[in-house]
């Protein structure tokens, strides 16, 4: 809605609060980090976006969300970035059912 700067500030505050209160491994914290990554990607901050996505995938993002990353239109600016392709592959691997 054109208010990315305000959203970035609010997500950063929310992430700080969630990490302190809920902990860095909680799903809610990972979702906030994922949302922050989406805004960063849209704003052209690719390194920060990739870093936040990696953290979200490795620390609490639910497998169903892992499988949606590749098709999320909010992350379309990362398409073509080999780091994003590697993250998508990692997320799919993480979300795959474990064989016993």
PDB file of N, CA and C in Angstrom:
ATOM      1  N   UNK A   1       0.820  -1.199   0.000  1.00  0.00           N
ATOM      2  CA  UNK A   1       0.000   0.000   0.000  1.00  0.00           C
ATOM      3  C   UNK A   1       0.859   1.256   0.000  1.00  0.00           C
ATOM      4  N   UNK A   2       2.137   1.100  -0.338  1.00  0.00           N
ATOM      5  CA  UNK A   2       2.985   2.265  -0.452  1.00  0.00           C
ATOM      6  C   UNK A   2       3.550   2.778   0.860  1.00  0.00           C
ATOM      7  N   UNK A   3       3.449   1.996   1.906  1.00  0.00           N
ATOM      8  CA  UNK A   3       3.934   2.450   3.212  1.00  0.00           C
ATOM      9  C   UNK A   3       5.016   1.500   3.729  1.00  0.00           C
ATOM     10  N   UNK A   4       5.904   1.136   2.834  1.00  0.00           N
ATOM     11  CA  UNK A   4       6.951   0.168   3.158  1.00  0.00           C
ATOM     12  C   UNK A   4       7.863   0.623   4.288  1.00  0.00           C
ATOM     13  N   UNK A   5       8.254   1.878   4.290  1.00  0.00           N
ATOM     14  CA  UNK A   5       9.164   2.366   5.332  1.00  0.00           C
ATOM     15  C   UNK A   5       8.531   2.227   6.717  1.00  0.00           C
ATOM     16  N   UNK A   6       7.268   2.593   6.808  1.00  0.00           N
ATOM     17  CA  UNK A   6       6.555   2.454   8.078  1.00  0.00           C
ATOM     18  C   UNK A   6       6.430   0.981   8.455  1.00  0.00           C
ATOM     19  N   UNK A   7       6.118   0.148   7.486  1.00  0.00           N
ATOM     20  CA  UNK A   7       5.992  -1.291   7.732  1.00  0.00           C
ATOM     21  C   UNK A   7       7.320  -1.893   8.189  1.00  0.00           C
ATOM     22  N   UNK A   8       8.424  -1.483   7.565  1.00  0.00           N
ATOM     23  CA  UNK A   8       9.737  -1.986   7.974  1.00  0.00           C
ATOM     24  C   UNK A   8      10.013  -1.676   9.445  1.00  0.00           C
ATOM     25  N   UNK A   9       9.705  -0.461   9.857  1.00  0.00           N
ATOM     26  CA  UNK A   9       9.929  -0.067  11.249  1.00  0.00           C
ATOM     27  C   UNK A   9       9.060  -0.881  12.204  1.00  0.00           C
ATOM     28  N   UNK A  10       7.798  -1.057  11.836  1.00  0.00           N
ATOM     29  CA  UNK A  10       6.889  -1.812  12.694  1.00  0.00           C
ATOM     30  C   UNK A  10       7.284  -3.286  12.784  1.00  0.00           C
ATOM     31  N   UNK A  11       7.654  -3.886  11.652  1.00  0.00           N
ATOM     32  CA  UNK A  11       8.081  -5.292  11.678  1.00  0.00           C
ATOM     33  C   UNK A  11       9.365  -5.461  12.477  1.00  0.00           C
ATOM     34  N   UNK A  12      10.278  -4.517  12.377  1.00  0.00           N
ATOM     35  CA  UNK A  12      11.518  -4.601  13.145  1.00  0.00           C
ATOM     36  C   UNK A  12      11.220  -4.541  14.640  1.00  0.00           C
ATOM     37  N   UNK A  13      10.309  -3.665  15.049  1.00  0.00           N
ATOM     38  CA  UNK A  13       9.925  -3.579  16.455  1.00  0.00           C
ATOM     39  C   UNK A  13       9.225  -4.860  16.905  1.00  0.00           C
ATOM     40  N   UNK A  14       8.322  -5.351  16.080  1.00  0.00           N
ATOM     41  CA  UNK A  14       7.593  -6.561  16.415  1.00  0.00           C
ATOM     42  C   UNK A  14       8.542  -7.758  16.520  1.00  0.00           C
ATOM     43  N   UNK A  15       9.503  -7.840  15.600  1.00  0.00           N
ATOM     44  CA  UNK A  15      10.470  -8.927  15.629  1.00  0.00           C
ATOM     45  C   UNK A  15      11.299  -8.876  16.915  1.00  0.00           C
ATOM     46  N   UNK A  16      11.736  -7.710  17.283  1.00  0.00           N
ATOM     47  CA  UNK A  16      12.509  -7.559  18.517  1.00  0.00           C
ATOM     48  C   UNK A  16      11.692  -8.027  19.723  1.00  0.00           C
ATOM     49  N   UNK A  17      10.455  -7.615  19.797  1.00  0.00           N
ATOM     50  CA  UNK A  17       9.579  -7.991  20.901  1.00  0.00           C
ATOM     51  C   UNK A  17       9.323  -9.499  20.910  1.00  0.00           C
ATOM     52  N   UNK A  18       9.009 -10.066  19.760  1.00  0.00           N
ATOM     53  CA  UNK A  18       8.738 -11.509  19.685  1.00  0.00           C
ATOM     54  C   UNK A  18       9.970 -12.335  20.061  1.00  0.00           C
ATOM     55  N   UNK A  19      11.127 -11.910  19.630  1.00  0.00           N
ATOM     56  CA  UNK A  19      12.344 -12.647  19.969  1.00  0.00           C
ATOM     57  C   UNK A  19      12.595 -12.632  21.478  1.00  0.00           C
ATOM     58  N   UNK A  20      12.299 -11.513  22.109  1.00  0.00           N
ATOM     59  CA  UNK A  20      12.516 -11.424  23.555  1.00  0.00           C
ATOM     60  C   UNK A  20      11.446 -12.175  24.348  1.00  0.00           C
ATOM     61  N   UNK A  21      10.187 -12.065  23.921  1.00  0.00           N
ATOM     62  CA  UNK A  21       9.084 -12.645  24.686  1.00  0.00           C
ATOM     63  C   UNK A  21       8.831 -14.109  24.309  1.00  0.00           C
ATOM     64  N   UNK A  22       8.739 -14.393  23.017  1.00  0.00           N
ATOM     65  CA  UNK A  22       8.419 -15.748  22.562  1.00  0.00           C
ATOM     66  C   UNK A  22       9.661 -16.605  22.337  1.00  0.00           C
ATOM     67  N   UNK A  23      10.715 -15.958  21.907  1.00  0.00           N
ATOM     68  CA  UNK A  23      11.944 -16.667  21.575  1.00  0.00           C
ATOM     69  C   UNK A  23      12.149 -16.728  20.074  1.00  0.00           C
ATOM     70  N   UNK A  24      13.388 -16.912  19.645  1.00  0.00           N
ATOM     71  CA  UNK A  24      13.706 -16.878  18.220  1.00  0.00           C
ATOM     72  C   UNK A  24      13.255 -18.111  17.445  1.00  0.00           C
ATOM     73  N   UNK A  25      12.885 -19.193  18.137  1.00  0.00           N
ATOM     74  CA  UNK A  25      12.528 -20.440  17.460  1.00  0.00           C
ATOM     75  C   UNK A  25      11.020 -20.629  17.292  1.00  0.00           C
ATOM     76  N   UNK A  26      10.234 -19.653  17.648  1.00  0.00           N
ATOM     77  CA  UNK A  26       8.779 -19.783  17.579  1.00  0.00           C
ATOM     78  C   UNK A  26       8.247 -19.463  16.185  1.00  0.00           C
ATOM     79  N   UNK A  27       7.173 -20.147  15.825  1.00  0.00           N
ATOM     80  CA  UNK A  27       6.560 -19.949  14.508  1.00  0.00           C
ATOM     81  C   UNK A  27       6.185 -18.483  14.278  1.00  0.00           C
ATOM     82  N   UNK A  28       5.617 -17.843  15.280  1.00  0.00           N
ATOM     83  CA  UNK A  28       5.187 -16.448  15.125  1.00  0.00           C
ATOM     84  C   UNK A  28       6.372 -15.538  14.813  1.00  0.00           C
ATOM     85  N   UNK A  29       7.487 -15.791  15.466  1.00  0.00           N
ATOM     86  CA  UNK A  29       8.691 -15.005  15.215  1.00  0.00           C
ATOM     87  C   UNK A  29       9.195 -15.242  13.793  1.00  0.00           C
ATOM     88  N   UNK A  30       9.155 -16.493  13.349  1.00  0.00           N
ATOM     89  CA  UNK A  30       9.593 -16.821  11.991  1.00  0.00           C
ATOM     90  C   UNK A  30       8.688 -16.172  10.947  1.00  0.00           C
ATOM     91  N   UNK A  31       7.396 -16.133  11.201  1.00  0.00           N
ATOM     92  CA  UNK A  31       6.456 -15.504  10.257  1.00  0.00           C
ATOM     93  C   UNK A  31       6.717 -14.001  10.166  1.00  0.00           C
ATOM     94  N   UNK A  32       6.998 -13.374  11.284  1.00  0.00           N
ATOM     95  CA  UNK A  32       7.316 -11.948  11.265  1.00  0.00           C
ATOM     96  C   UNK A  32       8.591 -11.704  10.462  1.00  0.00           C
ATOM     97  N   UNK A  33       9.591 -12.551  10.662  1.00  0.00           N
ATOM     98  CA  UNK A  33      10.850 -12.415   9.919  1.00  0.00           C
ATOM     99  C   UNK A  33      10.603 -12.629   8.418  1.00  0.00           C
ATOM    100  N   UNK A  34       9.735 -13.582   8.080  1.00  0.00           N
ATOM    101  CA  UNK A  34       9.371 -13.839   6.691  1.00  0.00           C
ATOM    102  C   UNK A  34       8.695 -12.598   6.080  1.00  0.00           C
ATOM    103  N   UNK A  35       7.766 -12.022   6.814  1.00  0.00           N
ATOM    104  CA  UNK A  35       7.071 -10.821   6.329  1.00  0.00           C
ATOM    105  C   UNK A  35       8.042  -9.666   6.141  1.00  0.00           C
ATOM    106  N   UNK A  36       8.974  -9.535   7.071  1.00  0.00           N
ATOM    107  CA  UNK A  36      10.008  -8.510   6.945  1.00  0.00           C
ATOM    108  C   UNK A  36      10.834  -8.753   5.679  1.00  0.00           C
ATOM    109  N   UNK A  37      11.163 -10.001   5.416  1.00  0.00           N
ATOM    110  CA  UNK A  37      11.931 -10.345   4.207  1.00  0.00           C
ATOM    111  C   UNK A  37      11.173  -9.960   2.944  1.00  0.00           C
ATOM    112  N   UNK A  38       9.873 -10.147   2.947  1.00  0.00           N
ATOM    113  CA  UNK A  38       9.066  -9.782   1.773  1.00  0.00           C
ATOM    114  C   UNK A  38       9.153  -8.284   1.484  1.00  0.00           C
ATOM    115  N   UNK A  39       9.067  -7.477   2.526  1.00  0.00           N
ATOM    116  CA  UNK A  39       9.152  -6.023   2.340  1.00  0.00           C
ATOM    117  C   UNK A  39      10.561  -5.633   1.901  1.00  0.00           C
ATOM    118  N   UNK A  40      11.558  -6.227   2.525  1.00  0.00           N
ATOM    119  CA  UNK A  40      12.942  -5.925   2.142  1.00  0.00           C
ATOM    120  C   UNK A  40      13.202  -6.280   0.684  1.00  0.00           C
ATOM    121  N   UNK A  41      12.681  -7.414   0.246  1.00  0.00           N
ATOM    122  CA  UNK A  41      12.859  -7.822  -1.158  1.00  0.00           C
ATOM    123  C   UNK A  41      12.199  -6.824  -2.092  1.00  0.00           C
ATOM    124  N   UNK A  42      11.000  -6.415  -1.753  1.00  0.00           N
ATOM    125  CA  UNK A  42      10.282  -5.458  -2.595  1.00  0.00           C
ATOM    126  C   UNK A  42      11.009  -4.124  -2.672  1.00  0.00           C
ATOM    127  N   UNK A  43      11.707  -3.754  -1.581  1.00  0.00           N
ATOM    128  CA  UNK A  43      12.437  -2.489  -1.540  1.00  0.00           C
ATOM    129  C   UNK A  43      13.825  -2.581  -2.159  1.00  0.00           C
ATOM    130  N   UNK A  44      14.212  -3.808  -2.595  1.00  0.00           N
ATOM    131  CA  UNK A  44      15.511  -3.964  -3.247  1.00  0.00           C
ATOM    132  C   UNK A  44      16.657  -4.294  -2.315  1.00  0.00           C
ATOM    133  N   UNK A  45      16.370  -4.607  -1.075  1.00  0.00           N
ATOM    134  CA  UNK A  45      17.392  -4.972  -0.088  1.00  0.00           C
ATOM    135  C   UNK A  45      17.562  -6.492  -0.102  1.00  0.00           C
ATOM    136  N   UNK A  46      18.147  -6.988  -1.177  1.00  0.00           N
ATOM    137  CA  UNK A  46      18.187  -8.427  -1.432  1.00  0.00           C
ATOM    138  C   UNK A  46      18.992  -9.200  -0.392  1.00  0.00           C
ATOM    139  N   UNK A  47      20.143  -8.686   0.002  1.00  0.00           N
ATOM    140  CA  UNK A  47      20.966  -9.400   0.990  1.00  0.00           C
ATOM    141  C   UNK A  47      20.202  -9.587   2.299  1.00  0.00           C
ATOM    142  N   UNK A  48      19.571  -8.524   2.767  1.00  0.00           N
ATOM    143  CA  UNK A  48      18.805  -8.599   4.011  1.00  0.00           C
ATOM    144  C   UNK A  48      17.592  -9.514   3.861  1.00  0.00           C
ATOM    145  N   UNK A  49      16.950  -9.454   2.703  1.00  0.00           N
ATOM    146  CA  UNK A  49      15.786 -10.304   2.464  1.00  0.00           C
ATOM    147  C   UNK A  49      16.174 -11.779   2.497  1.00  0.00           C
ATOM    148  N   UNK A  50      17.235 -12.129   1.808  1.00  0.00           N
ATOM    149  CA  UNK A  50      17.700 -13.520   1.780  1.00  0.00           C
ATOM    150  C   UNK A  50      18.093 -13.974   3.182  1.00  0.00           C
ATOM    151  N   UNK A  51      18.788 -13.136   3.907  1.00  0.00           N
ATOM    152  CA  UNK A  51      19.216 -13.472   5.261  1.00  0.00           C
ATOM    153  C   UNK A  51      18.017 -13.733   6.169  1.00  0.00           C
ATOM    154  N   UNK A  52      17.012 -12.886   6.098  1.00  0.00           N
ATOM    155  CA  UNK A  52      15.815 -13.066   6.919  1.00  0.00           C
ATOM    156  C   UNK A  52      15.023 -14.296   6.511  1.00  0.00           C
ATOM    157  N   UNK A  53      14.948 -14.565   5.226  1.00  0.00           N
ATOM    158  CA  UNK A  53      14.273 -15.788   4.765  1.00  0.00           C
ATOM    159  C   UNK A  53      14.990 -17.026   5.274  1.00  0.00           C
ATOM    160  N   UNK A  54      16.305 -17.032   5.171  1.00  0.00           N
ATOM    161  CA  UNK A  54      17.089 -18.176   5.640  1.00  0.00           C
ATOM    162  C   UNK A  54      16.820 -18.418   7.122  1.00  0.00           C
ATOM    163  N   UNK A  55      16.838 -17.366   7.889  1.00  0.00           N
ATOM    164  CA  UNK A  55      16.603 -17.495   9.324  1.00  0.00           C
ATOM    165  C   UNK A  55      15.194 -18.031   9.585  1.00  0.00           C
ATOM    166  N   UNK A  56      14.200 -17.493   8.884  1.00  0.00           N
ATOM    167  CA  UNK A  56      12.814 -17.939   9.085  1.00  0.00           C
ATOM    168  C   UNK A  56      12.665 -19.421   8.760  1.00  0.00           C
ATOM    169  N   UNK A  57      13.282 -19.853   7.673  1.00  0.00           N
ATOM    170  CA  UNK A  57      13.200 -21.260   7.276  1.00  0.00           C
ATOM    171  C   UNK A  57      13.845 -22.154   8.329  1.00  0.00           C
ATOM    172  N   UNK A  58      14.969 -21.748   8.843  1.00  0.00           N
ATOM    173  CA  UNK A  58      15.719 -22.578   9.782  1.00  0.00           C
ATOM    174  C   UNK A  58      15.236 -22.482  11.229  1.00  0.00           C
ATOM    175  N   UNK A  59      14.384 -21.504  11.520  1.00  0.00           N
ATOM    176  CA  UNK A  59      14.004 -21.267  12.918  1.00  0.00           C
ATOM    177  C   UNK A  59      12.504 -21.081  13.117  1.00  0.00           C
ATOM    178  N   UNK A  60      11.724 -22.072  12.752  1.00  0.00           N
ATOM    179  CA  UNK A  60      10.323 -22.053  13.152  1.00  0.00           C
ATOM    180  C   UNK A  60       9.282 -21.898  12.076  1.00  0.00           C
ATOM    181  N   UNK A  61       9.660 -21.588  10.849  1.00  0.00           N
ATOM    182  CA  UNK A  61       8.654 -21.470   9.798  1.00  0.00           C
ATOM    183  C   UNK A  61       8.061 -22.850   9.538  1.00  0.00           C
ATOM    184  N   UNK A  62       6.758 -22.931   9.473  1.00  0.00           N
ATOM    185  CA  UNK A  62       6.102 -24.223   9.291  1.00  0.00           C
ATOM    186  C   UNK A  62       6.321 -24.742   7.871  1.00  0.00           C
ATOM    187  N   UNK A  63       6.406 -26.065   7.730  1.00  0.00           N
ATOM    188  CA  UNK A  63       6.666 -26.655   6.412  1.00  0.00           C
ATOM    189  C   UNK A  63       5.694 -26.212   5.316  1.00  0.00           C
ATOM    190  N   UNK A  64       4.430 -26.010   5.644  1.00  0.00           N
ATOM    191  CA  UNK A  64       3.485 -25.573   4.599  1.00  0.00           C
ATOM    192  C   UNK A  64       3.875 -24.205   4.051  1.00  0.00           C
ATOM    193  N   UNK A  65       4.445 -23.353   4.891  1.00  0.00           N
ATOM    194  CA  UNK A  65       4.917 -22.051   4.415  1.00  0.00           C
ATOM    195  C   UNK A  65       6.201 -22.210   3.611  1.00  0.00           C
ATOM    196  N   UNK A  66       7.059 -23.154   4.038  1.00  0.00           N
ATOM    197  CA  UNK A  66       8.286 -23.426   3.282  1.00  0.00           C
ATOM    198  C   UNK A  66       7.964 -23.732   1.827  1.00  0.00           C
ATOM    199  N   UNK A  67       6.893 -24.477   1.617  1.00  0.00           N
ATOM    200  CA  UNK A  67       6.526 -24.897   0.265  1.00  0.00           C
ATOM    201  C   UNK A  67       5.930 -23.771  -0.565  1.00  0.00           C
ATOM    202  N   UNK A  68       5.518 -22.690   0.064  1.00  0.00           N
ATOM    203  CA  UNK A  68       4.898 -21.566  -0.648  1.00  0.00           C
ATOM    204  C   UNK A  68       5.879 -20.478  -1.061  1.00  0.00           C
ATOM    205  N   UNK A  69       7.077 -20.540  -0.545  1.00  0.00           N
ATOM    206  CA  UNK A  69       8.052 -19.472  -0.782  1.00  0.00           C
ATOM    207  C   UNK A  69       8.282 -19.216  -2.268  1.00  0.00           C
ATOM    208  N   UNK A  70       8.464 -20.277  -3.024  1.00  0.00           N
ATOM    209  CA  UNK A  70       8.787 -20.141  -4.446  1.00  0.00           C
ATOM    210  C   UNK A  70       7.707 -19.398  -5.220  1.00  0.00           C
ATOM    211  N   UNK A  71       6.443 -19.533  -4.802  1.00  0.00           N
ATOM    212  CA  UNK A  71       5.334 -18.937  -5.541  1.00  0.00           C
ATOM    213  C   UNK A  71       4.793 -17.661  -4.901  1.00  0.00           C
ATOM    214  N   UNK A  72       5.412 -17.227  -3.822  1.00  0.00           N
ATOM    215  CA  UNK A  72       4.938 -16.026  -3.140  1.00  0.00           C
ATOM    216  C   UNK A  72       5.234 -14.808  -4.012  1.00  0.00           C
ATOM    217  N   UNK A  73       4.193 -14.105  -4.472  1.00  0.00           N
ATOM    218  CA  UNK A  73       4.421 -12.941  -5.344  1.00  0.00           C
ATOM    219  C   UNK A  73       5.183 -11.813  -4.650  1.00  0.00           C
ATOM    220  N   UNK A  74       5.151 -11.797  -3.330  1.00  0.00           N
ATOM    221  CA  UNK A  74       5.880 -10.762  -2.598  1.00  0.00           C
ATOM    222  C   UNK A  74       7.389 -10.972  -2.656  1.00  0.00           C
ATOM    223  N   UNK A  75       7.806 -12.151  -3.091  1.00  0.00           N
ATOM    224  CA  UNK A  75       9.234 -12.457  -3.211  1.00  0.00           C
ATOM    225  C   UNK A  75       9.684 -12.533  -4.668  1.00  0.00           C
ATOM    226  N   UNK A  76       8.857 -12.081  -5.582  1.00  0.00           N
ATOM    227  CA  UNK A  76       9.169 -12.200  -7.014  1.00  0.00           C
ATOM    228  C   UNK A  76      10.444 -11.450  -7.397  1.00  0.00           C
ATOM    229  N   UNK A  77      10.807 -10.426  -6.662  1.00  0.00           N
ATOM    230  CA  UNK A  77      12.036  -9.692  -6.994  1.00  0.00           C
ATOM    231  C   UNK A  77      13.283 -10.531  -6.737  1.00  0.00           C
ATOM    232  N   UNK A  78      13.141 -11.624  -5.992  1.00  0.00           N
ATOM    233  CA  UNK A  78      14.279 -12.513  -5.726  1.00  0.00           C
ATOM    234  C   UNK A  78      14.429 -13.614  -6.771  1.00  0.00           C
ATOM    235  N   UNK A  79      13.423 -13.768  -7.624  1.00  0.00           N
ATOM    236  CA  UNK A  79      13.519 -14.791  -8.664  1.00  0.00           C
ATOM    237  C   UNK A  79      14.720 -14.478  -9.552  1.00  0.00           C
ATOM    238  N   UNK A  80      15.471 -15.495  -9.872  1.00  0.00           N
ATOM    239  CA  UNK A  80      16.674 -15.302 -10.666  1.00  0.00           C
ATOM    240  C   UNK A  80      17.922 -15.154  -9.820  1.00  0.00           C
ATOM    241  N   UNK A  81      17.756 -14.937  -8.523  1.00  0.00           N
ATOM    242  CA  UNK A  81      18.889 -14.848  -7.612  1.00  0.00           C
ATOM    243  C   UNK A  81      19.241 -16.276  -7.187  1.00  0.00           C
ATOM    244  N   UNK A  82      20.457 -16.729  -7.435  1.00  0.00           N
ATOM    245  CA  UNK A  82      20.813 -18.106  -7.086  1.00  0.00           C
ATOM    246  C   UNK A  82      20.678 -18.404  -5.593  1.00  0.00           C
ATOM    247  N   UNK A  83      20.827 -17.391  -4.761  1.00  0.00           N
ATOM    248  CA  UNK A  83      20.640 -17.603  -3.316  1.00  0.00           C
ATOM    249  C   UNK A  83      19.193 -17.949  -3.005  1.00  0.00           C
ATOM    250  N   UNK A  84      18.269 -17.300  -3.730  1.00  0.00           N
ATOM    251  CA  UNK A  84      16.854 -17.593  -3.530  1.00  0.00           C
ATOM    252  C   UNK A  84      16.537 -19.004  -4.008  1.00  0.00           C
ATOM    253  N   UNK A  85      17.084 -19.387  -5.142  1.00  0.00           N
ATOM    254  CA  UNK A  85      16.878 -20.751  -5.647  1.00  0.00           C
ATOM    255  C   UNK A  85      17.385 -21.778  -4.638  1.00  0.00           C
ATOM    256  N   UNK A  86      18.528 -21.500  -4.029  1.00  0.00           N
ATOM    257  CA  UNK A  86      19.074 -22.407  -3.014  1.00  0.00           C
ATOM    258  C   UNK A  86      18.171 -22.449  -1.781  1.00  0.00           C
ATOM    259  N   UNK A  87      17.612 -21.302  -1.401  1.00  0.00           N
ATOM    260  CA  UNK A  87      16.691 -21.263  -0.264  1.00  0.00           C
ATOM    261  C   UNK A  87      15.421 -22.052  -0.539  1.00  0.00           C
ATOM    262  N   UNK A  88      14.903 -21.923  -1.748  1.00  0.00           N
ATOM    263  CA  UNK A  88      13.704 -22.669  -2.128  1.00  0.00           C
ATOM    264  C   UNK A  88      13.977 -24.167  -2.039  1.00  0.00           C
ATOM    265  N   UNK A  89      15.120 -24.598  -2.564  1.00  0.00           N
ATOM    266  CA  UNK A  89      15.484 -26.019  -2.509  1.00  0.00           C
ATOM    267  C   UNK A  89      15.622 -26.474  -1.054  1.00  0.00           C
ATOM    268  N   UNK A  90      16.251 -25.665  -0.242  1.00  0.00           N
ATOM    269  CA  UNK A  90      16.420 -25.983   1.184  1.00  0.00           C
ATOM    270  C   UNK A  90      15.058 -26.072   1.882  1.00  0.00           C
ATOM    271  N   UNK A  91      14.176 -25.136   1.586  1.00  0.00           N
ATOM    272  CA  UNK A  91      12.849 -25.128   2.204  1.00  0.00           C
ATOM    273  C   UNK A  91      12.053 -26.365   1.799  1.00  0.00           C
ATOM    274  N   UNK A  92      12.130 -26.749   0.530  1.00  0.00           N
ATOM    275  CA  UNK A  92      11.420 -27.942   0.069  1.00  0.00           C
ATOM    276  C   UNK A  92      11.978 -29.190   0.740  1.00  0.00           C
ATOM    277  N   UNK A  93      13.284 -29.250   0.870  1.00  0.00           N
ATOM    278  CA  UNK A  93      13.918 -30.394   1.529  1.00  0.00           C
ATOM    279  C   UNK A  93      13.485 -30.472   2.990  1.00  0.00           C
ATOM    280  N   UNK A  94      13.463 -29.339   3.631  1.00  0.00           N
ATOM    281  CA  UNK A  94      13.068 -29.283   5.039  1.00  0.00           C
ATOM    282  C   UNK A  94      11.612 -29.677   5.219  1.00  0.00           C
ATOM    283  N   UNK A  95      10.767 -29.307   4.269  1.00  0.00           N
ATOM    284  CA  UNK A  95       9.333 -29.578   4.378  1.00  0.00           C
ATOM    285  C   UNK A  95       8.953 -30.997   3.957  1.00  0.00           C
ATOM    286  N   UNK A  96       9.845 -31.678   3.275  1.00  0.00           N
ATOM    287  CA  UNK A  96       9.552 -33.038   2.811  1.00  0.00           C
ATOM    288  C   UNK A  96       9.362 -33.974   3.998  1.00  0.00           C
ATOM    289  N   UNK A  97       8.409 -34.890   3.878  1.00  0.00           N
ATOM    290  CA  UNK A  97       8.214 -35.855   4.969  1.00  0.00           C
ATOM    291  C   UNK A  97       9.477 -36.674   5.195  1.00  0.00           C
ATOM    292  N   UNK A  98       9.777 -36.916   6.439  1.00  0.00           N
ATOM    293  CA  UNK A  98      10.966 -37.699   6.779  1.00  0.00           C
ATOM    294  C   UNK A  98      10.660 -39.184   6.651  1.00  0.00           C
ATOM    295  N   UNK A  99      11.549 -39.921   5.985  1.00  0.00           N
ATOM    296  CA  UNK A  99      11.403 -41.373   5.867  1.00  0.00           C
ATOM    297  C   UNK A  99      11.960 -42.027   7.121  1.00  0.00           C
ATOM    298  N   UNK A 100      11.265 -43.001   7.625  1.00  0.00           N
ATOM    299  CA  UNK A 100      11.732 -43.709   8.834  1.00  0.00           C
ATOM    300  C   UNK A 100      12.514 -44.927   8.480  1.00  0.00           C
TER     301      UNK A 100
END
